[in-house]
Amino acid sequence: MSKSFLPLDLPDDVLSFEGEKFFELIQQKCGQVFKELMKILSINTAYKLLLVEDDILPVFQKKYRELEKVTQRACLHLDDGTVMLKPGLPMDFDRFIRSLHDINDKQKQQKKIVKQAEDIISLFKNLVKSYQFNESDDTQDNYSFLFAFMENICNNISKNKNNYRYSDIVQQFAQSLYILGGRNSYEFVRLNLPGALPSLSTLNLSLEKAGACIGEAEGLDGSRKKVSYNAAVNTFGGFATPLEYGIPISGYFKTDSFDELKEWFENKDKSNYLNVHMMQPLIESKPYTSPFLLAAYGISNKFKAIDILNQWIWIFEKSQESNVRIVAFSTDCDPRYLLAMRLNTGFFAKLTNTPLYNRNDMLKIHLPKDWSGWFFMRSHQVCFCFQDPIHLCAKLRNPMLSCSVLTIIIIIVTFISFLICWCLSTDES
């Protein structure tokens, strides 16, 4: 009955061992006898041993003068001169040889996979090159990431998962995908493209090195109030984020004190709203660009118009530090947001001691002359403000599509001359 043994734990680069490094490994795994035997037989590398393995043990059956001392220690001797190799020695040697073969076969398979991956990359590049693009050079350069992405996948396929490596451009793509698509989208892509994207733990480390921190919170909807604990950042989520001059304080609910946590539950508001800030790039060559998430945090309904205005000013100035120019803010029709819009644009309202006025980077507005009688806007603006058109359309659509709601739309055409006459008559009376 054949018996199998677990393979020896050998270094991955054992096939490159030679000289004293190889002899020390032989001594460690097979004993001093085989170390001396390898030296006498001039077998000083792992590859040599694999080539002549069948000729090693039979040497003990013949009386070589050079092997007398080794044979005396490695064999059992009978009075008639017959010798037998001690049973334990060939078992250790066979186990060592099998382990070398396993590593050699594994490396051959890896080389085969690498060769296949290189062929795939080469074929892919040739396929793209064979397709002649009738575009500018900039358009062709857009495929440089695709090549890098495919090459990264093919390089990782031939490795153990623990040895996956990712180029800088792939890590930047992974960070962007996680930020723009979220955790679920990122995991869906990663699990379906083995070797393409780093794991979440690796991704979080790269984000931390880049100075970014993305946290996820639960229970921030309007239907329920729930407090959850994020062990990764030692923070409690679900409380209403406090504002300092309108700016949310990051990591405020972080504590190791049970008494402080108890005080929060008793006295702090739970967040029943989720405040979301989105940004949409304006690119002349690409008029339709997707927005992305800038920030999201839970709040209560206890905030003022000045808090909103301070948030806009802070976002505007921080964006300028990164060479990003905010052109406009868009919100829904909450009265506090409308007041913030009026203060920002100076629409029959003005707030002193704010960095909104008398700036060198203000936009200059050129309104048509025939608008001056009915359209009011200052000729210099830091940025524009308007109500979110999608939000307004949704408010109109919902009642119009409802079978139980009667929607009355009244259209009135009013002339500016009539309004002026009516105002004058009202003043005289």
Protein backbone atom coordinates (compact mmCIF):
# COMPACT_ATOMS: atom_id res chain seq x y z
CA MET A 1 0.00 0.00 0.00
CA SER A 2 1.49 3.32 -1.07
CA LYS A 3 1.75 6.02 1.52
CA SER A 4 1.76 9.74 0.85
CA PHE A 5 3.31 12.46 2.96
CA LEU A 6 2.69 16.15 3.11
CA PRO A 7 5.20 18.07 0.97
CA LEU A 8 8.01 19.89 2.69
CA ASP A 9 7.78 23.62 3.22
CA LEU A 10 10.43 24.87 0.83
CA PRO A 11 11.21 28.46 -0.23
CA ASP A 12 9.59 29.59 -3.49
CA ASP A 13 13.01 30.27 -4.99
CA VAL A 14 14.53 26.94 -3.92
CA LEU A 15 15.27 25.99 -7.52
CA SER A 16 17.74 28.85 -7.68
CA PHE A 17 19.74 27.62 -4.66
CA GLU A 18 23.33 26.65 -5.37
CA GLY A 19 26.60 26.04 -3.52
CA GLU A 20 26.61 26.27 0.26
CA LYS A 21 23.04 27.57 0.33
CA PHE A 22 21.90 24.40 -1.43
CA PHE A 23 24.02 22.14 0.80
CA GLU A 24 22.63 23.76 3.96
CA LEU A 25 19.10 23.11 2.72
CA ILE A 26 19.95 19.44 2.04
CA GLN A 27 21.35 19.09 5.55
CA GLN A 28 18.25 20.71 7.05
CA LYS A 29 15.73 18.54 5.16
CA CYS A 30 17.61 15.24 4.55
CA GLY A 31 20.47 15.14 7.05
CA GLN A 32 24.25 15.40 7.16
CA VAL A 33 24.74 12.16 5.21
CA PHE A 34 23.03 13.48 2.09
CA LYS A 35 24.83 16.80 2.37
CA GLU A 36 28.17 15.02 2.22
CA LEU A 37 26.85 12.76 -0.57
CA MET A 38 25.84 15.77 -2.70
CA LYS A 39 29.30 17.29 -2.29
CA ILE A 40 31.03 14.05 -3.30
CA LEU A 41 28.74 13.65 -6.35
CA SER A 42 29.25 17.32 -7.35
CA ILE A 43 25.52 18.03 -7.21
CA ASN A 44 25.47 21.63 -6.03
CA THR A 45 22.14 22.91 -7.40
CA ALA A 46 18.49 21.86 -7.16
CA TYR A 47 18.22 21.54 -10.95
CA LYS A 48 21.15 19.11 -11.10
CA LEU A 49 19.53 17.02 -8.38
CA LEU A 50 16.27 16.78 -10.33
CA LEU A 51 18.14 15.64 -13.45
CA VAL A 52 20.07 12.79 -11.77
CA GLU A 53 17.69 11.82 -8.95
CA ASP A 54 17.31 8.22 -10.15
CA ASP A 55 21.08 7.65 -9.94
CA ILE A 56 21.55 8.84 -6.35
CA LEU A 57 20.49 5.98 -4.07
CA PRO A 58 21.92 3.12 -6.21
CA VAL A 59 25.46 4.38 -5.53
CA PHE A 60 25.26 2.78 -2.08
CA GLN A 61 25.01 -0.67 -3.66
CA LYS A 62 28.54 -0.41 -5.02
CA LYS A 63 31.76 -0.03 -3.14
CA TYR A 64 33.17 3.31 -4.16
CA ARG A 65 36.24 4.33 -2.17
CA GLU A 66 35.08 7.98 -2.11
CA LEU A 67 31.82 6.89 -0.45
CA GLU A 68 33.23 4.55 2.21
CA LYS A 69 32.68 6.92 5.12
CA VAL A 70 29.25 8.02 3.91
CA THR A 71 28.19 4.41 3.24
CA GLN A 72 29.40 3.34 6.69
CA ARG A 73 27.05 5.88 8.32
CA ALA A 74 24.09 5.62 5.93
CA CYS A 75 23.76 1.82 5.59
CA LEU A 76 23.23 -1.34 7.60
CA HIS A 77 25.99 -3.96 6.98
CA LEU A 78 25.80 -7.78 6.97
CA ASP A 79 28.72 -10.16 7.57
CA ASP A 80 28.68 -11.24 3.94
CA GLY A 81 29.30 -7.67 2.82
CA THR A 82 25.70 -6.90 1.83
CA VAL A 83 24.54 -3.37 2.69
CA MET A 84 21.07 -1.87 3.03
CA LEU A 85 20.31 1.84 3.19
CA LYS A 86 18.70 2.80 6.48
CA PRO A 87 14.92 3.02 5.76
CA GLY A 88 14.45 6.50 7.17
CA LEU A 89 16.99 8.13 4.86
CA PRO A 90 15.34 7.35 1.49
CA MET A 91 11.97 8.42 2.90
CA ASP A 92 13.36 11.86 3.75
CA PHE A 93 15.11 12.06 0.40
CA ASP A 94 12.02 11.01 -1.58
CA ARG A 95 9.90 13.56 0.25
CA PHE A 96 12.44 16.27 -0.55
CA ILE A 97 12.54 15.27 -4.23
CA ARG A 98 8.73 15.28 -4.48
CA SER A 99 8.59 18.77 -2.97
CA LEU A 100 11.15 19.98 -5.51
CA HIS A 101 9.08 18.49 -8.31
CA ASP A 102 5.92 20.19 -7.01
CA ILE A 103 7.63 23.57 -7.03
CA ASN A 104 9.15 22.92 -10.44
CA ASP A 105 5.76 21.91 -11.89
CA LYS A 106 4.13 24.94 -10.32
CA GLN A 107 6.70 27.28 -11.83
CA LYS A 108 6.30 25.64 -15.22
CA GLN A 109 2.55 26.16 -15.00
CA GLN A 110 3.04 29.78 -13.96
CA LYS A 111 5.39 30.37 -16.87
CA LYS A 112 2.82 28.83 -19.17
CA ILE A 113 0.11 31.11 -17.81
CA VAL A 114 2.41 34.12 -18.09
CA LYS A 115 3.18 33.19 -21.68
CA GLN A 116 -0.54 32.87 -22.42
CA ALA A 117 -1.21 36.19 -20.72
CA GLU A 118 1.55 37.87 -22.74
CA ASP A 119 0.10 36.39 -25.90
CA ILE A 120 -3.35 37.72 -24.98
CA ILE A 121 -1.95 41.20 -24.32
CA SER A 122 0.02 41.13 -27.55
CA LEU A 123 -3.03 39.93 -29.46
CA PHE A 124 -5.18 42.61 -27.84
CA LYS A 125 -2.70 45.36 -28.71
CA ASN A 126 -2.39 44.15 -32.27
CA LEU A 127 -6.16 44.01 -32.55
CA VAL A 128 -6.48 47.62 -31.44
CA LYS A 129 -3.61 48.74 -33.66
CA SER A 130 -5.09 46.95 -36.67
CA TYR A 131 -8.23 49.02 -36.26
CA GLN A 132 -7.29 52.35 -37.73
CA PHE A 133 -8.80 55.22 -35.78
CA ASN A 134 -9.77 58.19 -37.86
CA GLU A 135 -9.51 60.39 -34.81
CA SER A 136 -6.96 62.69 -33.27
CA ASP A 137 -3.97 61.47 -31.32
CA ASP A 138 -5.74 62.41 -28.09
CA THR A 139 -8.46 59.88 -28.81
CA GLN A 140 -5.92 57.12 -29.42
CA ASP A 141 -4.18 57.99 -26.16
CA ASN A 142 -7.43 57.15 -24.36
CA TYR A 143 -6.60 53.47 -24.91
CA SER A 144 -3.39 53.69 -22.86
CA PHE A 145 -5.30 52.93 -19.66
CA LEU A 146 -7.03 49.96 -21.31
CA PHE A 147 -3.63 48.46 -22.16
CA ALA A 148 -2.37 49.05 -18.60
CA PHE A 149 -5.55 47.57 -17.14
CA MET A 150 -5.35 44.41 -19.26
CA GLU A 151 -1.65 44.02 -18.57
CA ASN A 152 -2.24 44.31 -14.82
CA ILE A 153 -4.91 41.59 -14.95
CA CYS A 154 -2.71 39.23 -16.95
CA ASN A 155 0.25 39.75 -14.63
CA ASN A 156 -1.85 38.95 -11.55
CA ILE A 157 -3.54 35.86 -13.02
CA SER A 158 -0.23 34.02 -12.94
CA LYS A 159 0.35 34.78 -9.23
CA ASN A 160 -1.05 33.76 -5.90
CA LYS A 161 -3.79 36.09 -4.66
CA ASN A 162 -1.55 37.23 -1.82
CA ASN A 163 1.03 38.39 -4.36
CA TYR A 164 -1.27 40.48 -6.54
CA ARG A 165 0.22 43.84 -7.47
CA TYR A 166 -1.45 46.91 -8.95
CA SER A 167 0.09 49.76 -10.93
CA ASP A 168 -0.46 53.37 -9.90
CA ILE A 169 -2.91 54.04 -12.72
CA VAL A 170 -5.00 50.98 -11.75
CA GLN A 171 -5.05 52.07 -8.10
CA GLN A 172 -6.22 55.53 -9.15
CA PHE A 173 -8.97 53.93 -11.25
CA ALA A 174 -9.98 51.75 -8.28
CA GLN A 175 -10.21 54.80 -5.99
CA SER A 176 -12.34 56.65 -8.52
CA LEU A 177 -14.64 53.66 -9.02
CA TYR A 178 -15.12 53.26 -5.27
CA ILE A 179 -15.84 56.96 -4.75
CA LEU A 180 -18.17 57.35 -7.73
CA GLY A 181 -19.86 53.94 -7.71
CA GLY A 182 -19.86 53.01 -4.04
CA ARG A 183 -18.94 49.87 -2.17
CA ASN A 184 -21.45 47.49 -3.80
CA SER A 185 -20.59 48.53 -7.35
CA TYR A 186 -16.88 48.25 -6.60
CA GLU A 187 -17.22 44.76 -5.13
CA PHE A 188 -19.39 43.63 -8.05
CA VAL A 189 -16.71 44.66 -10.56
CA ARG A 190 -13.82 43.32 -8.47
CA LEU A 191 -15.34 39.87 -7.89
CA ASN A 192 -16.20 39.44 -11.56
CA LEU A 193 -12.77 40.54 -12.82
CA PRO A 194 -10.20 38.48 -10.87
CA GLY A 195 -6.88 40.25 -10.48
CA ALA A 196 -8.22 43.53 -11.83
CA LEU A 197 -8.85 45.57 -8.68
CA PRO A 198 -7.38 45.53 -5.15
CA SER A 199 -9.39 44.30 -2.18
CA LEU A 200 -11.25 46.79 -0.01
CA SER A 201 -8.63 46.62 2.74
CA THR A 202 -5.86 47.39 0.23
CA LEU A 203 -7.96 50.13 -1.32
CA ASN A 204 -8.61 51.77 2.06
CA LEU A 205 -4.87 51.78 2.77
CA SER A 206 -4.19 53.53 -0.53
CA LEU A 207 -6.92 56.08 0.23
CA GLU A 208 -5.42 56.76 3.65
CA LYS A 209 -1.99 57.30 2.10
CA ALA A 210 -3.61 59.74 -0.32
CA GLY A 211 -5.11 61.63 2.62
CA ALA A 212 -8.68 60.51 1.94
CA CYS A 213 -11.13 58.87 4.31
CA ILE A 214 -14.49 57.48 3.24
CA GLY A 215 -16.95 56.39 5.90
CA GLU A 216 -20.33 54.75 5.50
CA ALA A 217 -23.25 55.43 7.82
CA GLU A 218 -26.52 53.61 8.36
CA GLY A 219 -29.97 54.67 9.45
CA LEU A 220 -29.94 58.16 7.94
CA ASP A 221 -33.28 58.00 6.18
CA GLY A 222 -36.47 59.75 7.09
CA SER A 223 -38.36 56.62 8.15
CA ARG A 224 -36.27 55.55 11.12
CA LYS A 225 -33.53 56.83 13.37
CA LYS A 226 -30.76 54.40 14.04
CA VAL A 227 -27.36 54.75 15.70
CA SER A 228 -24.62 52.43 14.49
CA TYR A 229 -20.97 51.96 15.41
CA ASN A 230 -18.15 51.97 12.87
CA ALA A 231 -15.30 49.97 14.40
CA ALA A 232 -12.86 50.94 11.63
CA VAL A 233 -12.84 54.63 12.68
CA ASN A 234 -14.23 54.22 16.23
CA THR A 235 -17.16 56.53 15.47
CA PHE A 236 -20.90 56.40 16.14
CA GLY A 237 -23.13 57.24 13.19
CA GLY A 238 -26.77 58.20 13.29
CA PHE A 239 -26.58 61.31 15.43
CA ALA A 240 -27.22 64.68 13.83
CA THR A 241 -23.85 66.03 12.74
CA PRO A 242 -23.11 69.32 14.55
CA LEU A 243 -22.30 72.33 12.41
CA GLU A 244 -19.60 74.88 13.14
CA TYR A 245 -20.28 78.02 11.10
CA GLY A 246 -22.30 75.78 8.81
CA ILE A 247 -19.49 73.24 8.32
CA PRO A 248 -20.12 69.68 9.59
CA ILE A 249 -17.63 68.58 12.22
CA SER A 250 -16.04 65.33 11.05
CA GLY A 251 -15.62 62.52 13.59
CA TYR A 252 -17.46 64.43 16.30
CA PHE A 253 -19.15 61.36 17.81
CA LYS A 254 -15.99 59.47 18.72
CA THR A 255 -15.55 58.40 22.33
CA ASP A 256 -14.27 55.66 24.62
CA SER A 257 -16.45 56.81 27.51
CA PHE A 258 -19.73 55.03 28.20
CA ASP A 259 -21.00 58.03 30.19
CA GLU A 260 -20.44 60.34 27.24
CA LEU A 261 -22.21 57.91 24.92
CA LYS A 262 -25.12 57.75 27.35
CA GLU A 263 -25.28 61.54 27.41
CA TRP A 264 -25.43 61.61 23.60
CA PHE A 265 -28.35 59.20 23.52
CA GLU A 266 -30.20 61.28 26.08
CA ASN A 267 -29.51 64.78 24.79
CA LYS A 268 -28.30 64.69 21.19
CA ASP A 269 -30.66 64.69 18.22
CA LYS A 270 -30.78 61.68 15.96
CA SER A 271 -30.37 62.44 12.29
CA ASN A 272 -33.63 62.15 10.38
CA TYR A 273 -32.30 63.77 7.18
CA LEU A 274 -29.38 63.02 4.93
CA ASN A 275 -27.64 66.10 3.59
CA VAL A 276 -25.92 65.31 0.30
CA HIS A 277 -23.52 67.53 -1.66
CA MET A 278 -22.99 66.58 -5.29
CA MET A 279 -20.66 68.15 -7.83
CA GLN A 280 -21.01 68.10 -11.61
CA PRO A 281 -18.06 69.09 -13.80
CA LEU A 282 -18.69 71.52 -16.64
CA ILE A 283 -16.55 70.56 -19.63
CA GLU A 284 -16.97 72.41 -22.90
CA SER A 285 -16.08 69.37 -25.01
CA LYS A 286 -18.39 67.11 -22.97
CA PRO A 287 -21.63 68.92 -22.15
CA TYR A 288 -23.15 65.86 -20.46
CA THR A 289 -20.99 64.78 -17.53
CA SER A 290 -22.04 62.66 -14.58
CA PRO A 291 -22.12 64.21 -11.11
CA PHE A 292 -20.23 62.67 -8.23
CA LEU A 293 -20.61 62.66 -4.47
CA LEU A 294 -18.72 65.33 -2.56
CA ALA A 295 -20.06 64.71 0.95
CA ALA A 296 -23.01 63.17 2.78
CA TYR A 297 -23.86 63.39 6.47
CA GLY A 298 -26.87 63.07 8.74
CA ILE A 299 -28.51 66.21 10.10
CA SER A 300 -31.60 67.31 11.95
CA ASN A 301 -33.88 70.06 10.73
CA LYS A 302 -32.23 72.61 13.00
CA PHE A 303 -30.16 74.71 10.62
CA LYS A 304 -30.43 78.23 9.26
CA ALA A 305 -29.91 80.00 5.97
CA ILE A 306 -26.61 81.43 7.21
CA ASP A 307 -25.35 77.86 7.76
CA ILE A 308 -26.12 77.04 4.14
CA LEU A 309 -24.41 80.19 2.92
CA ASN A 310 -21.32 79.43 5.00
CA GLN A 311 -21.22 75.93 3.52
CA TRP A 312 -21.30 77.36 0.00
CA ILE A 313 -18.56 79.86 0.79
CA TRP A 314 -16.40 77.11 2.32
CA ILE A 315 -16.91 74.78 -0.68
CA PHE A 316 -16.20 77.66 -3.07
CA GLU A 317 -12.93 78.65 -1.37
CA LYS A 318 -11.67 75.10 -0.82
CA SER A 319 -12.37 74.30 -4.46
CA GLN A 320 -10.38 77.34 -5.56
CA GLU A 321 -7.42 76.04 -3.57
CA SER A 322 -7.54 72.99 -5.87
CA ASN A 323 -7.89 75.16 -9.00
CA VAL A 324 -11.58 74.34 -9.33
CA ARG A 325 -13.99 77.22 -10.04
CA ILE A 326 -17.51 76.82 -8.69
CA VAL A 327 -19.94 78.40 -11.16
CA ALA A 328 -23.32 77.77 -9.53
CA PHE A 329 -25.18 76.12 -6.66
CA SER A 330 -28.47 74.30 -7.19
CA THR A 331 -30.88 73.24 -4.42
CA ASP A 332 -34.54 72.55 -3.77
CA CYS A 333 -37.08 75.17 -2.73
CA ASP A 334 -36.74 75.00 1.05
CA PRO A 335 -37.21 78.61 2.35
CA ARG A 336 -33.80 78.54 4.03
CA TYR A 337 -32.10 77.60 0.78
CA LEU A 338 -34.04 80.29 -1.07
CA LEU A 339 -32.89 82.88 1.44
CA ALA A 340 -29.29 81.66 1.06
CA MET A 341 -29.67 82.10 -2.71
CA ARG A 342 -30.91 85.65 -2.27
CA LEU A 343 -28.03 86.50 0.06
CA ASN A 344 -25.51 84.92 -2.30
CA THR A 345 -26.74 86.73 -5.42
CA GLY A 346 -27.80 89.95 -3.72
CA PHE A 347 -31.39 89.54 -4.88
CA PHE A 348 -33.02 92.28 -2.76
CA ALA A 349 -30.92 91.06 0.16
CA LYS A 350 -27.41 91.65 1.36
CA LEU A 351 -25.29 90.30 4.17
CA THR A 352 -22.35 92.34 5.38
CA ASN A 353 -18.97 91.01 6.50
CA THR A 354 -18.95 88.06 4.10
CA PRO A 355 -16.37 87.21 1.41
CA LEU A 356 -19.02 87.25 -1.29
CA TYR A 357 -18.69 90.83 -2.39
CA ASN A 358 -15.84 92.99 -3.71
CA ARG A 359 -13.75 90.09 -4.94
CA ASN A 360 -11.31 90.12 -7.83
CA ASP A 361 -12.56 86.84 -9.28
CA MET A 362 -16.23 87.76 -9.67
CA LEU A 363 -18.06 86.85 -12.86
CA LYS A 364 -19.18 89.76 -15.01
CA ILE A 365 -22.75 89.44 -16.27
CA HIS A 366 -23.87 90.99 -19.56
CA LEU A 367 -27.65 91.01 -19.67
CA PRO A 368 -29.58 91.97 -22.82
CA LYS A 369 -30.73 95.58 -22.66
CA ASP A 370 -34.37 94.67 -23.20
CA TRP A 371 -34.21 92.54 -20.03
CA SER A 372 -33.50 95.45 -17.71
CA GLY A 373 -37.18 96.24 -17.22
CA TRP A 374 -38.11 92.87 -15.77
CA PHE A 375 -35.01 90.76 -14.99
CA PHE A 376 -33.00 91.75 -11.95
CA MET A 377 -29.44 90.54 -11.43
CA ARG A 378 -26.29 92.27 -10.29
CA SER A 379 -23.71 92.74 -13.02
CA HIS A 380 -21.02 91.05 -10.90
CA GLN A 381 -21.57 87.67 -9.23
CA VAL A 382 -19.31 85.27 -7.38
CA CYS A 383 -21.51 82.39 -8.55
CA PHE A 384 -25.07 81.72 -9.63
CA CYS A 385 -27.87 80.00 -7.75
CA PHE A 386 -30.98 78.30 -9.06
CA GLN A 387 -33.53 75.76 -8.00
CA ASP A 388 -32.90 72.20 -9.09
CA PRO A 389 -35.00 71.75 -12.27
CA ILE A 390 -35.33 68.00 -11.76
CA HIS A 391 -36.65 68.61 -8.26
CA LEU A 392 -39.18 71.13 -9.52
CA CYS A 393 -40.31 68.88 -12.37
CA ALA A 394 -40.74 65.98 -9.95
CA LYS A 395 -43.00 68.15 -7.77
CA LEU A 396 -45.13 68.94 -10.82
CA ARG A 397 -45.08 65.39 -12.20
CA ASN A 398 -46.23 63.57 -9.07
CA PRO A 399 -49.59 65.34 -8.65
CA MET A 400 -50.21 65.35 -12.41
CA LEU A 401 -49.79 61.58 -12.56
CA SER A 402 -51.90 60.97 -9.49
CA CYS A 403 -55.51 59.84 -10.04
CA SER A 404 -56.65 61.16 -6.66
CA VAL A 405 -55.12 64.66 -6.80
CA LEU A 406 -56.75 67.48 -8.74
CA THR A 407 -54.09 69.76 -10.20
CA ILE A 408 -55.15 73.25 -11.24
CA ILE A 409 -52.72 75.22 -13.39
CA ILE A 410 -53.51 78.88 -13.96
CA ILE A 411 -51.58 80.80 -16.59
CA ILE A 412 -51.63 84.57 -16.22
CA VAL A 413 -49.92 86.92 -18.64
CA THR A 414 -48.96 90.15 -16.95
CA PHE A 415 -47.47 93.21 -18.61
CA ILE A 416 -44.78 95.15 -16.80
CA SER A 417 -46.47 98.46 -17.68
CA PHE A 418 -49.64 97.34 -15.93
CA LEU A 419 -47.68 96.41 -12.79
CA ILE A 420 -45.95 99.79 -12.73
CA CYS A 421 -49.27 101.63 -13.09
CA TRP A 422 -50.80 99.49 -10.38
CA CYS A 423 -47.91 100.20 -7.99
CA LEU A 424 -48.16 103.97 -8.65
CA SER A 425 -51.90 103.99 -8.06
CA THR A 426 -51.39 102.06 -4.85
CA ASP A 427 -48.83 104.58 -3.58
CA GLU A 428 -51.14 107.54 -4.37
CA SER A 429 -54.02 105.95 -2.53
